[in-house]
Amino acid sequence: MKAFYTILLLVISNIFMTFAWYGHLKLSDMKISTNWPLYVIILFSWSIALFEYACQVPANRIGFVGNGGPFTLMQLKVIQEVITLVVFTVFTTVLFKGESLHWNHFAAFGCLILAVYFVFMK
């Protein structure tokens, strides 16, 4: 169950992270935050990032082998990166209509799948 909770928390964390890092661009695109000063956008993003850290830190603590979890630090990092790119891809293709996937993106995803394979090899 620790692996499941770790991955679930990482997914939730990355959803918040993606909105913190790129959500303000969509708000600007929607003409909501166009006139906001940069410091307000930063504070807005930080307020979202707080929830990201509230999930990320427990995910790493639960999942880390040193705390009784199933994953090494390298495995946790690769899992997190794959989740980040999956969440970002969904976010981008759904919310930003001008963005699309091309063959090189799929080739990069294939490399990430290989990275997961290699990092879990004994």
PDB file of N, CA and C in Angstrom:
ATOM      1  N   MET A   1       0.812  -1.197   0.000  1.00  0.00           N
ATOM      2  CA  MET A   1       0.000   0.000   0.000  1.00  0.00           C
ATOM      3  C   MET A   1       0.860   1.267   0.000  1.00  0.00           C
ATOM      4  N   LYS A   2       2.090   1.164   0.543  1.00  0.00           N
ATOM      5  CA  LYS A   2       2.958   2.349   0.578  1.00  0.00           C
ATOM      6  C   LYS A   2       3.293   2.823  -0.837  1.00  0.00           C
ATOM      7  N   ALA A   3       3.482   1.878  -1.755  1.00  0.00           N
ATOM      8  CA  ALA A   3       3.770   2.261  -3.138  1.00  0.00           C
ATOM      9  C   ALA A   3       2.567   2.988  -3.734  1.00  0.00           C
ATOM     10  N   PHE A   4       1.365   2.484  -3.485  1.00  0.00           N
ATOM     11  CA  PHE A   4       0.151   3.112  -3.998  1.00  0.00           C
ATOM     12  C   PHE A   4      -0.009   4.532  -3.447  1.00  0.00           C
ATOM     13  N   TYR A   5       0.132   4.692  -2.129  1.00  0.00           N
ATOM     14  CA  TYR A   5      -0.005   6.015  -1.511  1.00  0.00           C
ATOM     15  C   TYR A   5       1.070   6.976  -2.000  1.00  0.00           C
ATOM     16  N   THR A   6       2.279   6.465  -2.169  1.00  0.00           N
ATOM     17  CA  THR A   6       3.365   7.304  -2.678  1.00  0.00           C
ATOM     18  C   THR A   6       3.028   7.831  -4.062  1.00  0.00           C
ATOM     19  N   ILE A   7       2.616   6.956  -4.951  1.00  0.00           N
ATOM     20  CA  ILE A   7       2.312   7.359  -6.326  1.00  0.00           C
ATOM     21  C   ILE A   7       1.089   8.266  -6.358  1.00  0.00           C
ATOM     22  N   LEU A   8       0.065   7.960  -5.573  1.00  0.00           N
ATOM     23  CA  LEU A   8      -1.124   8.819  -5.515  1.00  0.00           C
ATOM     24  C   LEU A   8      -0.758  10.228  -5.052  1.00  0.00           C
ATOM     25  N   LEU A   9       0.024  10.331  -3.993  1.00  0.00           N
ATOM     26  CA  LEU A   9       0.446  11.640  -3.498  1.00  0.00           C
ATOM     27  C   LEU A   9       1.323  12.375  -4.512  1.00  0.00           C
ATOM     28  N   LEU A  10       2.160  11.634  -5.231  1.00  0.00           N
ATOM     29  CA  LEU A  10       2.988  12.257  -6.262  1.00  0.00           C
ATOM     30  C   LEU A  10       2.136  12.796  -7.409  1.00  0.00           C
ATOM     31  N   VAL A  11       1.097  12.077  -7.774  1.00  0.00           N
ATOM     32  CA  VAL A  11       0.197  12.553  -8.832  1.00  0.00           C
ATOM     33  C   VAL A  11      -0.499  13.837  -8.376  1.00  0.00           C
ATOM     34  N   ILE A  12      -1.061  13.819  -7.165  1.00  0.00           N
ATOM     35  CA  ILE A  12      -1.730  15.010  -6.638  1.00  0.00           C
ATOM     36  C   ILE A  12      -0.748  16.171  -6.548  1.00  0.00           C
ATOM     37  N   SER A  13       0.443  15.892  -6.042  1.00  0.00           N
ATOM     38  CA  SER A  13       1.480  16.912  -5.926  1.00  0.00           C
ATOM     39  C   SER A  13       1.791  17.528  -7.280  1.00  0.00           C
ATOM     40  N   ASN A  14       1.921  16.704  -8.289  1.00  0.00           N
ATOM     41  CA  ASN A  14       2.284  17.206  -9.614  1.00  0.00           C
ATOM     42  C   ASN A  14       1.151  17.966 -10.284  1.00  0.00           C
ATOM     43  N   ILE A  15      -0.079  17.645  -9.953  1.00  0.00           N
ATOM     44  CA  ILE A  15      -1.198  18.444 -10.463  1.00  0.00           C
ATOM     45  C   ILE A  15      -1.102  19.858  -9.887  1.00  0.00           C
ATOM     46  N   PHE A  16      -0.890  19.958  -8.576  1.00  0.00           N
ATOM     47  CA  PHE A  16      -0.722  21.279  -7.971  1.00  0.00           C
ATOM     48  C   PHE A  16       0.506  21.992  -8.538  1.00  0.00           C
ATOM     49  N   MET A  17       1.611  21.266  -8.700  1.00  0.00           N
ATOM     50  CA  MET A  17       2.838  21.864  -9.209  1.00  0.00           C
ATOM     51  C   MET A  17       2.626  22.434 -10.611  1.00  0.00           C
ATOM     52  N   THR A  18       1.962  21.674 -11.454  1.00  0.00           N
ATOM     53  CA  THR A  18       1.741  22.131 -12.825  1.00  0.00           C
ATOM     54  C   THR A  18       0.880  23.386 -12.842  1.00  0.00           C
ATOM     55  N   PHE A  19      -0.155  23.415 -12.017  1.00  0.00           N
ATOM     56  CA  PHE A  19      -0.974  24.624 -11.943  1.00  0.00           C
ATOM     57  C   PHE A  19      -0.185  25.798 -11.352  1.00  0.00           C
ATOM     58  N   ALA A  20       0.679  25.528 -10.376  1.00  0.00           N
ATOM     59  CA  ALA A  20       1.494  26.601  -9.792  1.00  0.00           C
ATOM     60  C   ALA A  20       2.475  27.163 -10.813  1.00  0.00           C
ATOM     61  N   TRP A  21       3.091  26.297 -11.598  1.00  0.00           N
ATOM     62  CA  TRP A  21       4.102  26.744 -12.546  1.00  0.00           C
ATOM     63  C   TRP A  21       3.512  27.328 -13.825  1.00  0.00           C
ATOM     64  N   TYR A  22       2.393  26.754 -14.307  1.00  0.00           N
ATOM     65  CA  TYR A  22       1.881  27.138 -15.623  1.00  0.00           C
ATOM     66  C   TYR A  22       0.454  27.664 -15.620  1.00  0.00           C
ATOM     67  N   GLY A  23      -0.253  27.522 -14.506  1.00  0.00           N
ATOM     68  CA  GLY A  23      -1.637  27.971 -14.443  1.00  0.00           C
ATOM     69  C   GLY A  23      -1.798  29.458 -14.679  1.00  0.00           C
ATOM     70  N   HIS A  24      -0.838  30.251 -14.209  1.00  0.00           N
ATOM     71  CA  HIS A  24      -0.924  31.703 -14.408  1.00  0.00           C
ATOM     72  C   HIS A  24      -0.873  32.068 -15.882  1.00  0.00           C
ATOM     73  N   LEU A  25      -0.243  31.214 -16.702  1.00  0.00           N
ATOM     74  CA  LEU A  25      -0.223  31.464 -18.146  1.00  0.00           C
ATOM     75  C   LEU A  25      -1.620  31.308 -18.735  1.00  0.00           C
ATOM     76  N   LYS A  26      -2.357  30.320 -18.246  1.00  0.00           N
ATOM     77  CA  LYS A  26      -3.734  30.127 -18.705  1.00  0.00           C
ATOM     78  C   LYS A  26      -4.613  31.269 -18.207  1.00  0.00           C
ATOM     79  N   LEU A  27      -4.402  31.700 -16.958  1.00  0.00           N
ATOM     80  CA  LEU A  27      -5.170  32.836 -16.453  1.00  0.00           C
ATOM     81  C   LEU A  27      -4.917  34.086 -17.282  1.00  0.00           C
ATOM     82  N   SER A  28      -3.691  34.275 -17.700  1.00  0.00           N
ATOM     83  CA  SER A  28      -3.350  35.410 -18.561  1.00  0.00           C
ATOM     84  C   SER A  28      -4.009  35.248 -19.928  1.00  0.00           C
ATOM     85  N   ASP A  29      -3.992  34.032 -20.444  1.00  0.00           N
ATOM     86  CA  ASP A  29      -4.621  33.728 -21.728  1.00  0.00           C
ATOM     87  C   ASP A  29      -6.122  34.006 -21.677  1.00  0.00           C
ATOM     88  N   MET A  30      -6.719  33.786 -20.507  1.00  0.00           N
ATOM     89  CA  MET A  30      -8.155  34.020 -20.314  1.00  0.00           C
ATOM     90  C   MET A  30      -8.442  35.478 -19.932  1.00  0.00           C
ATOM     91  N   LYS A  31      -7.417  36.314 -19.910  1.00  0.00           N
ATOM     92  CA  LYS A  31      -7.520  37.742 -19.575  1.00  0.00           C
ATOM     93  C   LYS A  31      -7.925  37.975 -18.115  1.00  0.00           C
ATOM     94  N   ILE A  32      -7.628  37.019 -17.241  1.00  0.00           N
ATOM     95  CA  ILE A  32      -7.942  37.160 -15.819  1.00  0.00           C
ATOM     96  C   ILE A  32      -6.796  37.854 -15.086  1.00  0.00           C
ATOM     97  N   SER A  33      -5.578  37.434 -15.380  1.00  0.00           N
ATOM     98  CA  SER A  33      -4.424  37.965 -14.640  1.00  0.00           C
ATOM     99  C   SER A  33      -3.542  38.879 -15.488  1.00  0.00           C
ATOM    100  N   THR A  34      -4.069  39.374 -16.566  1.00  0.00           N
ATOM    101  CA  THR A  34      -3.270  40.190 -17.494  1.00  0.00           C
ATOM    102  C   THR A  34      -2.658  41.414 -16.815  1.00  0.00           C
ATOM    103  N   ASN A  35      -3.398  42.026 -15.917  1.00  0.00           N
ATOM    104  CA  ASN A  35      -2.920  43.259 -15.281  1.00  0.00           C
ATOM    105  C   ASN A  35      -2.314  43.024 -13.906  1.00  0.00           C
ATOM    106  N   TRP A  36      -2.180  41.778 -13.503  1.00  0.00           N
ATOM    107  CA  TRP A  36      -1.581  41.502 -12.203  1.00  0.00           C
ATOM    108  C   TRP A  36      -0.096  41.802 -12.249  1.00  0.00           C
ATOM    109  N   PRO A  37       0.440  42.464 -11.224  1.00  0.00           N
ATOM    110  CA  PRO A  37       1.897  42.632 -11.180  1.00  0.00           C
ATOM    111  C   PRO A  37       2.578  41.280 -10.935  1.00  0.00           C
ATOM    112  N   LEU A  38       3.821  41.209 -11.313  1.00  0.00           N
ATOM    113  CA  LEU A  38       4.556  39.950 -11.219  1.00  0.00           C
ATOM    114  C   LEU A  38       4.579  39.398  -9.793  1.00  0.00           C
ATOM    115  N   TYR A  39       4.734  40.267  -8.794  1.00  0.00           N
ATOM    116  CA  TYR A  39       4.788  39.758  -7.419  1.00  0.00           C
ATOM    117  C   TYR A  39       3.470  39.096  -7.006  1.00  0.00           C
ATOM    118  N   VAL A  40       2.334  39.555  -7.534  1.00  0.00           N
ATOM    119  CA  VAL A  40       1.043  38.922  -7.232  1.00  0.00           C
ATOM    120  C   VAL A  40       0.973  37.546  -7.889  1.00  0.00           C
ATOM    121  N   ILE A  41       1.466  37.448  -9.098  1.00  0.00           N
ATOM    122  CA  ILE A  41       1.491  36.148  -9.788  1.00  0.00           C
ATOM    123  C   ILE A  41       2.392  35.179  -9.034  1.00  0.00           C
ATOM    124  N   ILE A  42       3.530  35.670  -8.551  1.00  0.00           N
ATOM    125  CA  ILE A  42       4.435  34.820  -7.772  1.00  0.00           C
ATOM    126  C   ILE A  42       3.763  34.351  -6.487  1.00  0.00           C
ATOM    127  N   LEU A  43       3.120  35.263  -5.772  1.00  0.00           N
ATOM    128  CA  LEU A  43       2.418  34.883  -4.537  1.00  0.00           C
ATOM    129  C   LEU A  43       1.277  33.915  -4.819  1.00  0.00           C
ATOM    130  N   PHE A  44       0.568  34.137  -5.905  1.00  0.00           N
ATOM    131  CA  PHE A  44      -0.496  33.224  -6.317  1.00  0.00           C
ATOM    132  C   PHE A  44       0.071  31.826  -6.576  1.00  0.00           C
ATOM    133  N   SER A  45       1.166  31.768  -7.310  1.00  0.00           N
ATOM    134  CA  SER A  45       1.794  30.471  -7.613  1.00  0.00           C
ATOM    135  C   SER A  45       2.331  29.817  -6.351  1.00  0.00           C
ATOM    136  N   TRP A  46       2.924  30.577  -5.462  1.00  0.00           N
ATOM    137  CA  TRP A  46       3.428  30.026  -4.197  1.00  0.00           C
ATOM    138  C   TRP A  46       2.298  29.464  -3.350  1.00  0.00           C
ATOM    139  N   SER A  47       1.152  30.128  -3.367  1.00  0.00           N
ATOM    140  CA  SER A  47       0.029  29.616  -2.571  1.00  0.00           C
ATOM    141  C   SER A  47      -0.436  28.256  -3.088  1.00  0.00           C
ATOM    142  N   ILE A  48      -0.373  28.057  -4.384  1.00  0.00           N
ATOM    143  CA  ILE A  48      -0.702  26.745  -4.954  1.00  0.00           C
ATOM    144  C   ILE A  48       0.405  25.746  -4.646  1.00  0.00           C
ATOM    145  N   ALA A  49       1.657  26.200  -4.733  1.00  0.00           N
ATOM    146  CA  ALA A  49       2.803  25.317  -4.492  1.00  0.00           C
ATOM    147  C   ALA A  49       2.833  24.792  -3.061  1.00  0.00           C
ATOM    148  N   LEU A  50       2.247  25.522  -2.120  1.00  0.00           N
ATOM    149  CA  LEU A  50       2.167  25.033  -0.749  1.00  0.00           C
ATOM    150  C   LEU A  50       1.459  23.674  -0.703  1.00  0.00           C
ATOM    151  N   PHE A  51       0.380  23.537  -1.456  1.00  0.00           N
ATOM    152  CA  PHE A  51      -0.343  22.267  -1.503  1.00  0.00           C
ATOM    153  C   PHE A  51       0.483  21.188  -2.210  1.00  0.00           C
ATOM    154  N   GLU A  52       1.271  21.620  -3.187  1.00  0.00           N
ATOM    155  CA  GLU A  52       2.168  20.676  -3.865  1.00  0.00           C
ATOM    156  C   GLU A  52       3.152  20.076  -2.865  1.00  0.00           C
ATOM    157  N   TYR A  53       3.755  20.919  -2.050  1.00  0.00           N
ATOM    158  CA  TYR A  53       4.711  20.429  -1.054  1.00  0.00           C
ATOM    159  C   TYR A  53       4.025  19.604   0.027  1.00  0.00           C
ATOM    160  N   ALA A  54       2.779  19.942   0.339  1.00  0.00           N
ATOM    161  CA  ALA A  54       2.033  19.189   1.356  1.00  0.00           C
ATOM    162  C   ALA A  54       1.771  17.748   0.906  1.00  0.00           C
ATOM    163  N   CYS A  55       1.865  17.496  -0.383  1.00  0.00           N
ATOM    164  CA  CYS A  55       1.726  16.126  -0.907  1.00  0.00           C
ATOM    165  C   CYS A  55       3.078  15.511  -1.242  1.00  0.00           C
ATOM    166  N   GLN A  56       3.985  16.325  -1.778  1.00  0.00           N
ATOM    167  CA  GLN A  56       5.298  15.834  -2.215  1.00  0.00           C
ATOM    168  C   GLN A  56       6.130  15.301  -1.051  1.00  0.00           C
ATOM    169  N   VAL A  57       6.195  16.062   0.030  1.00  0.00           N
ATOM    170  CA  VAL A  57       7.025  15.663   1.164  1.00  0.00           C
ATOM    171  C   VAL A  57       6.528  14.348   1.783  1.00  0.00           C
ATOM    172  N   PRO A  58       5.241  14.204   2.072  1.00  0.00           N
ATOM    173  CA  PRO A  58       4.770  12.908   2.602  1.00  0.00           C
ATOM    174  C   PRO A  58       4.973  11.760   1.615  1.00  0.00           C
ATOM    175  N   ALA A  59       4.810  12.035   0.327  1.00  0.00           N
ATOM    176  CA  ALA A  59       5.019  10.983  -0.674  1.00  0.00           C
ATOM    177  C   ALA A  59       6.444  10.447  -0.591  1.00  0.00           C
ATOM    178  N   ASN A  60       7.406  11.356  -0.506  1.00  0.00           N
ATOM    179  CA  ASN A  60       8.801  10.929  -0.427  1.00  0.00           C
ATOM    180  C   ASN A  60       9.100  10.219   0.891  1.00  0.00           C
ATOM    181  N   ARG A  61       8.518  10.690   1.974  1.00  0.00           N
ATOM    182  CA  ARG A  61       8.752  10.047   3.280  1.00  0.00           C
ATOM    183  C   ARG A  61       8.137   8.647   3.316  1.00  0.00           C
ATOM    184  N   ILE A  62       6.919   8.525   2.794  1.00  0.00           N
ATOM    185  CA  ILE A  62       6.246   7.220   2.788  1.00  0.00           C
ATOM    186  C   ILE A  62       6.956   6.251   1.847  1.00  0.00           C
ATOM    187  N   GLY A  63       7.381   6.761   0.692  1.00  0.00           N
ATOM    188  CA  GLY A  63       7.931   5.891  -0.338  1.00  0.00           C
ATOM    189  C   GLY A  63       9.390   5.525  -0.186  1.00  0.00           C
ATOM    190  N   PHE A  64      10.147   6.295   0.590  1.00  0.00           N
ATOM    191  CA  PHE A  64      11.593   6.084   0.687  1.00  0.00           C
ATOM    192  C   PHE A  64      11.922   4.819   1.473  1.00  0.00           C
ATOM    193  N   VAL A  65      12.788   4.010   0.919  1.00  0.00           N
ATOM    194  CA  VAL A  65      13.184   2.746   1.530  1.00  0.00           C
ATOM    195  C   VAL A  65      13.783   2.953   2.924  1.00  0.00           C
ATOM    196  N   GLY A  66      14.442   4.068   3.145  1.00  0.00           N
ATOM    197  CA  GLY A  66      15.026   4.368   4.453  1.00  0.00           C
ATOM    198  C   GLY A  66      13.984   4.594   5.541  1.00  0.00           C
ATOM    199  N   ASN A  67      12.749   4.856   5.130  1.00  0.00           N
ATOM    200  CA  ASN A  67      11.642   5.030   6.075  1.00  0.00           C
ATOM    201  C   ASN A  67      10.675   3.843   6.032  1.00  0.00           C
ATOM    202  N   GLY A  68      11.123   2.742   5.450  1.00  0.00           N
ATOM    203  CA  GLY A  68      10.273   1.559   5.365  1.00  0.00           C
ATOM    204  C   GLY A  68       9.444   1.478   4.095  1.00  0.00           C
ATOM    205  N   GLY A  69       9.681   2.391   3.164  1.00  0.00           N
ATOM    206  CA  GLY A  69       8.949   2.387   1.900  1.00  0.00           C
ATOM    207  C   GLY A  69       9.596   1.476   0.872  1.00  0.00           C
ATOM    208  N   PRO A  70       8.981   1.367  -0.297  1.00  0.00           N
ATOM    209  CA  PRO A  70       9.471   0.435  -1.309  1.00  0.00           C
ATOM    210  C   PRO A  70      10.477   1.003  -2.311  1.00  0.00           C
ATOM    211  N   PHE A  71      10.758   2.327  -2.290  1.00  0.00           N
ATOM    212  CA  PHE A  71      11.540   2.938  -3.359  1.00  0.00           C
ATOM    213  C   PHE A  71      12.840   3.560  -2.854  1.00  0.00           C
ATOM    214  N   THR A  72      13.882   3.437  -3.675  1.00  0.00           N
ATOM    215  CA  THR A  72      15.124   4.155  -3.421  1.00  0.00           C
ATOM    216  C   THR A  72      14.927   5.610  -3.854  1.00  0.00           C
ATOM    217  N   LEU A  73      15.887   6.460  -3.512  1.00  0.00           N
ATOM    218  CA  LEU A  73      15.792   7.866  -3.921  1.00  0.00           C
ATOM    219  C   LEU A  73      15.780   8.009  -5.437  1.00  0.00           C
ATOM    220  N   MET A  74      16.607   7.241  -6.114  1.00  0.00           N
ATOM    221  CA  MET A  74      16.647   7.297  -7.577  1.00  0.00           C
ATOM    222  C   MET A  74      15.307   6.869  -8.169  1.00  0.00           C
ATOM    223  N   GLN A  75      14.725   5.824  -7.617  1.00  0.00           N
ATOM    224  CA  GLN A  75      13.433   5.364  -8.112  1.00  0.00           C
ATOM    225  C   GLN A  75      12.349   6.414  -7.867  1.00  0.00           C
ATOM    226  N   LEU A  76      12.362   7.014  -6.679  1.00  0.00           N
ATOM    227  CA  LEU A  76      11.386   8.064  -6.385  1.00  0.00           C
ATOM    228  C   LEU A  76      11.512   9.218  -7.382  1.00  0.00           C
ATOM    229  N   LYS A  77      12.726   9.613  -7.680  1.00  0.00           N
ATOM    230  CA  LYS A  77      12.937  10.742  -8.585  1.00  0.00           C
ATOM    231  C   LYS A  77      12.461  10.419  -9.995  1.00  0.00           C
ATOM    232  N   VAL A  78      12.761   9.234 -10.487  1.00  0.00           N
ATOM    233  CA  VAL A  78      12.341   8.868 -11.844  1.00  0.00           C
ATOM    234  C   VAL A  78      10.818   8.743 -11.912  1.00  0.00           C
ATOM    235  N   ILE A  79      10.216   8.148 -10.893  1.00  0.00           N
ATOM    236  CA  ILE A  79       8.752   8.059 -10.839  1.00  0.00           C
ATOM    237  C   ILE A  79       8.157   9.462 -10.872  1.00  0.00           C
ATOM    238  N   GLN A  80       8.708  10.356 -10.073  1.00  0.00           N
ATOM    239  CA  GLN A  80       8.204  11.728 -10.006  1.00  0.00           C
ATOM    240  C   GLN A  80       8.324  12.428 -11.355  1.00  0.00           C
ATOM    241  N   GLU A  81       9.433  12.233 -12.045  1.00  0.00           N
ATOM    242  CA  GLU A  81       9.625  12.881 -13.349  1.00  0.00           C
ATOM    243  C   GLU A  81       8.642  12.357 -14.383  1.00  0.00           C
ATOM    244  N   VAL A  82       8.400  11.059 -14.382  1.00  0.00           N
ATOM    245  CA  VAL A  82       7.439  10.488 -15.328  1.00  0.00           C
ATOM    246  C   VAL A  82       6.036  11.025 -15.037  1.00  0.00           C
ATOM    247  N   ILE A  83       5.663  11.056 -13.773  1.00  0.00           N
ATOM    248  CA  ILE A  83       4.352  11.596 -13.400  1.00  0.00           C
ATOM    249  C   ILE A  83       4.256  13.062 -13.805  1.00  0.00           C
ATOM    250  N   THR A  84       5.319  13.823 -13.564  1.00  0.00           N
ATOM    251  CA  THR A  84       5.326  15.238 -13.941  1.00  0.00           C
ATOM    252  C   THR A  84       5.054  15.414 -15.426  1.00  0.00           C
ATOM    253  N   LEU A  85       5.719  14.638 -16.254  1.00  0.00           N
ATOM    254  CA  LEU A  85       5.539  14.799 -17.693  1.00  0.00           C
ATOM    255  C   LEU A  85       4.161  14.336 -18.164  1.00  0.00           C
ATOM    256  N   VAL A  86       3.625  13.297 -17.547  1.00  0.00           N
ATOM    257  CA  VAL A  86       2.278  12.853 -17.910  1.00  0.00           C
ATOM    258  C   VAL A  86       1.265  13.928 -17.529  1.00  0.00           C
ATOM    259  N   VAL A  87       1.344  14.434 -16.298  1.00  0.00           N
ATOM    260  CA  VAL A  87       0.418  15.485 -15.852  1.00  0.00           C
ATOM    261  C   VAL A  87       0.574  16.728 -16.721  1.00  0.00           C
ATOM    262  N   PHE A  88       1.816  17.128 -16.999  1.00  0.00           N
ATOM    263  CA  PHE A  88       2.058  18.311 -17.823  1.00  0.00           C
ATOM    264  C   PHE A  88       1.495  18.122 -19.234  1.00  0.00           C
ATOM    265  N   THR A  89       1.664  16.948 -19.799  1.00  0.00           N
ATOM    266  CA  THR A  89       1.161  16.682 -21.145  1.00  0.00           C
ATOM    267  C   THR A  89      -0.359  16.799 -21.187  1.00  0.00           C
ATOM    268  N   VAL A  90      -1.029  16.209 -20.216  1.00  0.00           N
ATOM    269  CA  VAL A  90      -2.490  16.312 -20.159  1.00  0.00           C
ATOM    270  C   VAL A  90      -2.901  17.773 -19.977  1.00  0.00           C
ATOM    271  N   PHE A  91      -2.276  18.450 -19.043  1.00  0.00           N
ATOM    272  CA  PHE A  91      -2.563  19.865 -18.768  1.00  0.00           C
ATOM    273  C   PHE A  91      -2.412  20.711 -20.027  1.00  0.00           C
ATOM    274  N   THR A  92      -1.302  20.528 -20.706  1.00  0.00           N
ATOM    275  CA  THR A  92      -0.993  21.343 -21.879  1.00  0.00           C
ATOM    276  C   THR A  92      -1.940  21.062 -23.032  1.00  0.00           C
ATOM    277  N   THR A  93      -2.177  19.804 -23.323  1.00  0.00           N
ATOM    278  CA  THR A  93      -3.020  19.481 -24.477  1.00  0.00           C
ATOM    279  C   THR A  93      -4.492  19.786 -24.222  1.00  0.00           C
ATOM    280  N   VAL A  94      -4.920  19.776 -22.967  1.00  0.00           N
ATOM    281  CA  VAL A  94      -6.321  20.077 -22.656  1.00  0.00           C
ATOM    282  C   VAL A  94      -6.554  21.582 -22.544  1.00  0.00           C
ATOM    283  N   LEU A  95      -5.686  22.293 -21.823  1.00  0.00           N
ATOM    284  CA  LEU A  95      -5.925  23.706 -21.547  1.00  0.00           C
ATOM    285  C   LEU A  95      -5.330  24.670 -22.571  1.00  0.00           C
ATOM    286  N   PHE A  96      -4.284  24.270 -23.254  1.00  0.00           N
ATOM    287  CA  PHE A  96      -3.659  25.142 -24.238  1.00  0.00           C
ATOM    288  C   PHE A  96      -3.871  24.535 -25.621  1.00  0.00           C
ATOM    289  N   LYS A  97      -4.878  24.999 -26.298  1.00  0.00           N
ATOM    290  CA  LYS A  97      -5.291  24.387 -27.570  1.00  0.00           C
ATOM    291  C   LYS A  97      -4.238  24.513 -28.667  1.00  0.00           C
ATOM    292  N   GLY A  98      -3.326  25.459 -28.570  1.00  0.00           N
ATOM    293  CA  GLY A  98      -2.302  25.617 -29.595  1.00  0.00           C
ATOM    294  C   GLY A  98      -1.167  24.617 -29.475  1.00  0.00           C
ATOM    295  N   GLU A  99      -1.124  23.890 -28.366  1.00  0.00           N
ATOM    296  CA  GLU A  99      -0.055  22.916 -28.139  1.00  0.00           C
ATOM    297  C   GLU A  99      -0.509  21.545 -28.622  1.00  0.00           C
ATOM    298  N   SER A 100       0.396  20.810 -29.233  1.00  0.00           N
ATOM    299  CA  SER A 100       0.056  19.456 -29.684  1.00  0.00           C
ATOM    300  C   SER A 100       1.275  18.547 -29.543  1.00  0.00           C
ATOM    301  N   LEU A 101       0.999  17.272 -29.548  1.00  0.00           N
ATOM    302  CA  LEU A 101       2.064  16.271 -29.426  1.00  0.00           C
ATOM    303  C   LEU A 101       2.593  15.912 -30.810  1.00  0.00           C
ATOM    304  N   HIS A 102       3.897  15.711 -30.874  1.00  0.00           N
ATOM    305  CA  HIS A 102       4.546  15.328 -32.121  1.00  0.00           C
ATOM    306  C   HIS A 102       5.341  14.046 -31.887  1.00  0.00           C
ATOM    307  N   TRP A 103       5.900  13.495 -32.944  1.00  0.00           N
ATOM    308  CA  TRP A 103       6.611  12.217 -32.852  1.00  0.00           C
ATOM    309  C   TRP A 103       7.756  12.279 -31.845  1.00  0.00           C
ATOM    310  N   ASN A 104       8.448  13.423 -31.789  1.00  0.00           N
ATOM    311  CA  ASN A 104       9.597  13.528 -30.882  1.00  0.00           C
ATOM    312  C   ASN A 104       9.164  13.500 -29.412  1.00  0.00           C
ATOM    313  N   HIS A 105       7.954  13.970 -29.125  1.00  0.00           N
ATOM    314  CA  HIS A 105       7.446  13.882 -27.756  1.00  0.00           C
ATOM    315  C   HIS A 105       7.224  12.418 -27.378  1.00  0.00           C
ATOM    316  N   PHE A 106       6.657  11.656 -28.313  1.00  0.00           N
ATOM    317  CA  PHE A 106       6.440  10.233 -28.042  1.00  0.00           C
ATOM    318  C   PHE A 106       7.770   9.486 -27.912  1.00  0.00           C
ATOM    319  N   ALA A 107       8.772   9.888 -28.704  1.00  0.00           N
ATOM    320  CA  ALA A 107      10.103   9.291 -28.575  1.00  0.00           C
ATOM    321  C   ALA A 107      10.691   9.601 -27.192  1.00  0.00           C
ATOM    322  N   ALA A 108      10.493  10.821 -26.717  1.00  0.00           N
ATOM    323  CA  ALA A 108      10.973  11.199 -25.384  1.00  0.00           C
ATOM    324  C   ALA A 108      10.255  10.397 -24.304  1.00  0.00           C
ATOM    325  N   PHE A 109       8.945  10.196 -24.466  1.00  0.00           N
ATOM    326  CA  PHE A 109       8.196   9.393 -23.500  1.00  0.00           C
ATOM    327  C   PHE A 109       8.699   7.949 -23.490  1.00  0.00           C
ATOM    328  N   GLY A 110       9.039   7.446 -24.665  1.00  0.00           N
ATOM    329  CA  GLY A 110       9.617   6.106 -24.738  1.00  0.00           C
ATOM    330  C   GLY A 110      10.929   6.021 -23.972  1.00  0.00           C
ATOM    331  N   CYS A 111      11.731   7.059 -24.073  1.00  0.00           N
ATOM    332  CA  CYS A 111      12.991   7.105 -23.316  1.00  0.00           C
ATOM    333  C   CYS A 111      12.718   7.127 -21.817  1.00  0.00           C
ATOM    334  N   LEU A 112      11.678   7.820 -21.403  1.00  0.00           N
ATOM    335  CA  LEU A 112      11.324   7.845 -19.984  1.00  0.00           C
ATOM    336  C   LEU A 112      10.872   6.475 -19.494  1.00  0.00           C
ATOM    337  N   ILE A 113      10.142   5.778 -20.329  1.00  0.00           N
ATOM    338  CA  ILE A 113       9.735   4.414 -19.957  1.00  0.00           C
ATOM    339  C   ILE A 113      10.967   3.542 -19.786  1.00  0.00           C
ATOM    340  N   LEU A 114      11.934   3.720 -20.674  1.00  0.00           N
ATOM    341  CA  LEU A 114      13.201   2.993 -20.532  1.00  0.00           C
ATOM    342  C   LEU A 114      13.925   3.403 -19.259  1.00  0.00           C
ATOM    343  N   ALA A 115      13.860   4.688 -18.917  1.00  0.00           N
ATOM    344  CA  ALA A 115      14.496   5.165 -17.679  1.00  0.00           C
ATOM    345  C   ALA A 115      13.882   4.465 -16.468  1.00  0.00           C
ATOM    346  N   VAL A 116      12.558   4.346 -16.459  1.00  0.00           N
ATOM    347  CA  VAL A 116      11.896   3.646 -15.350  1.00  0.00           C
ATOM    348  C   VAL A 116      12.355   2.192 -15.318  1.00  0.00           C
ATOM    349  N   TYR A 117      12.407   1.563 -16.463  1.00  0.00           N
ATOM    350  CA  TYR A 117      12.859   0.175 -16.528  1.00  0.00           C
ATOM    351  C   TYR A 117      14.271   0.038 -15.950  1.00  0.00           C
ATOM    352  N   PHE A 118      15.175   0.905 -16.402  1.00  0.00           N
ATOM    353  CA  PHE A 118      16.568   0.788 -15.952  1.00  0.00           C
ATOM    354  C   PHE A 118      16.746   1.125 -14.479  1.00  0.00           C
ATOM    355  N   VAL A 119      16.003   2.088 -13.966  1.00  0.00           N
ATOM    356  CA  VAL A 119      16.182   2.470 -12.572  1.00  0.00           C
ATOM    357  C   VAL A 119      15.642   1.384 -11.634  1.00  0.00           C
ATOM    358  N   PHE A 120      14.701   0.562 -12.119  1.00  0.00           N
ATOM    359  CA  PHE A 120      14.176  -0.523 -11.287  1.00  0.00           C
ATOM    360  C   PHE A 120      14.898  -1.852 -11.509  1.00  0.00           C
ATOM    361  N   MET A 121      15.837  -1.876 -12.460  1.00  0.00           N
ATOM    362  CA  MET A 121      16.628  -3.104 -12.687  1.00  0.00           C
ATOM    363  C   MET A 121      17.484  -3.416 -11.469  1.00  0.00           C
ATOM    364  N   LYS A 122      17.581  -4.660 -11.154  1.00  0.00           N
ATOM    365  CA  LYS A 122      18.449  -5.087 -10.037  1.00  0.00           C
ATOM    366  C   LYS A 122      19.822  -5.420 -10.567  1.00  0.00           C
TER     367      LYS A 122
END
